[in-house]
Amino acid sequence: MSDLLQLMVSEGSSDLHIRNGIPPAIRVHGTLHRVEGPPLSADDCEELMRSISSEDHIQQVRENGGADFAFAFGEAARFRVSVFKERGDFAMVLRQIPSTLLTMEQIGIPPSVKELLYKPRGLVLVTGPTGSGKSTTLASLLNIMNMERDDVHMITVEDPIEYYHTHKSAVITQREVHVDVPSFAEALRRALRQDPDVILVGEMRDLETIEAAITAAETGHLVFGTLHTTGAAKTIDRLVNAFPTNQQEMIRIQLSTVLQAVISQLLLPRCDKPG
């Protein structure tokens, strides 16, 4: 496993796929390539999985069909790991988390977005398809706030925690779903009793979490969240349509009062060099 992880780091790979019946595959600059070598057997896949998984993670796979967690490869890199069953065998996908936080300029975030970090309250959504860099964008924004604002307590709720933030100017609390708290929605409800100024919701994946995030924004907190949508307008539709028909008009009214911005992003291949 160490050789595969080292290959990911040296090649700048974003993802590693482990499956029974084929060699490992890595994604570099958006394109999936198979690693040279023989196909993996079911035993190979299980051995690789066990080398980075705890017994709790393995039990989650057996009971729930999958487990998500973060894994540190020494000082070289961190990875977000998804372990699951496929045709009865263990399989994995590892996504590399950049070891350093990128700046707004490196990511290409417009300078006007920085103004959102000083809003006293409201809801800010970062949207885009899977792999479009939503977590990286949010981590960059929170890092700026962490450095520049000494008047805030920030709470992040993620599954799993991807970027570790150290205490700089701000006070920061990072909570991991299934480790520190049972669910996103429960974490948001508890957060309101923990004197937060800023709350990051790693994924607004269900109605209960969306409701809790809107409530947190309504009660005077600055809430950041992510959604898997492909445009600003579709984001509003997604939020509204998550609710029963008889509640949708009220949700439109609530969003009109709390929504500060929708940042929709998509990664494109570079034209000047690989990347």
Foldseek 3Di string as FASTA:
>chain_A
DLVVVVVCLVQVFFKWKADAPFAIWTHHLRRIDHDDDGGDHLVNLVVVVVVFDDPVQVVCCVVPFKAWDKGDPPLRWIWIKIWGADPRGIIIMIGTFDSDQDACVVLVNDPVVLVLLPDQFFEEEEEEAPPQCSVSVVVNSVQVCQAPPLPFEEEEEEQADRDDDDRHSYHYHYHYDPPRHPDLLRVLVVVVVVPGQEYEYAACDALSNLVSQLVRRVVGHHYYYYDHDADDVVVLVVNLVRDPPVCSVVVVVSNVPGHDYYHYGGDDADPPDGD
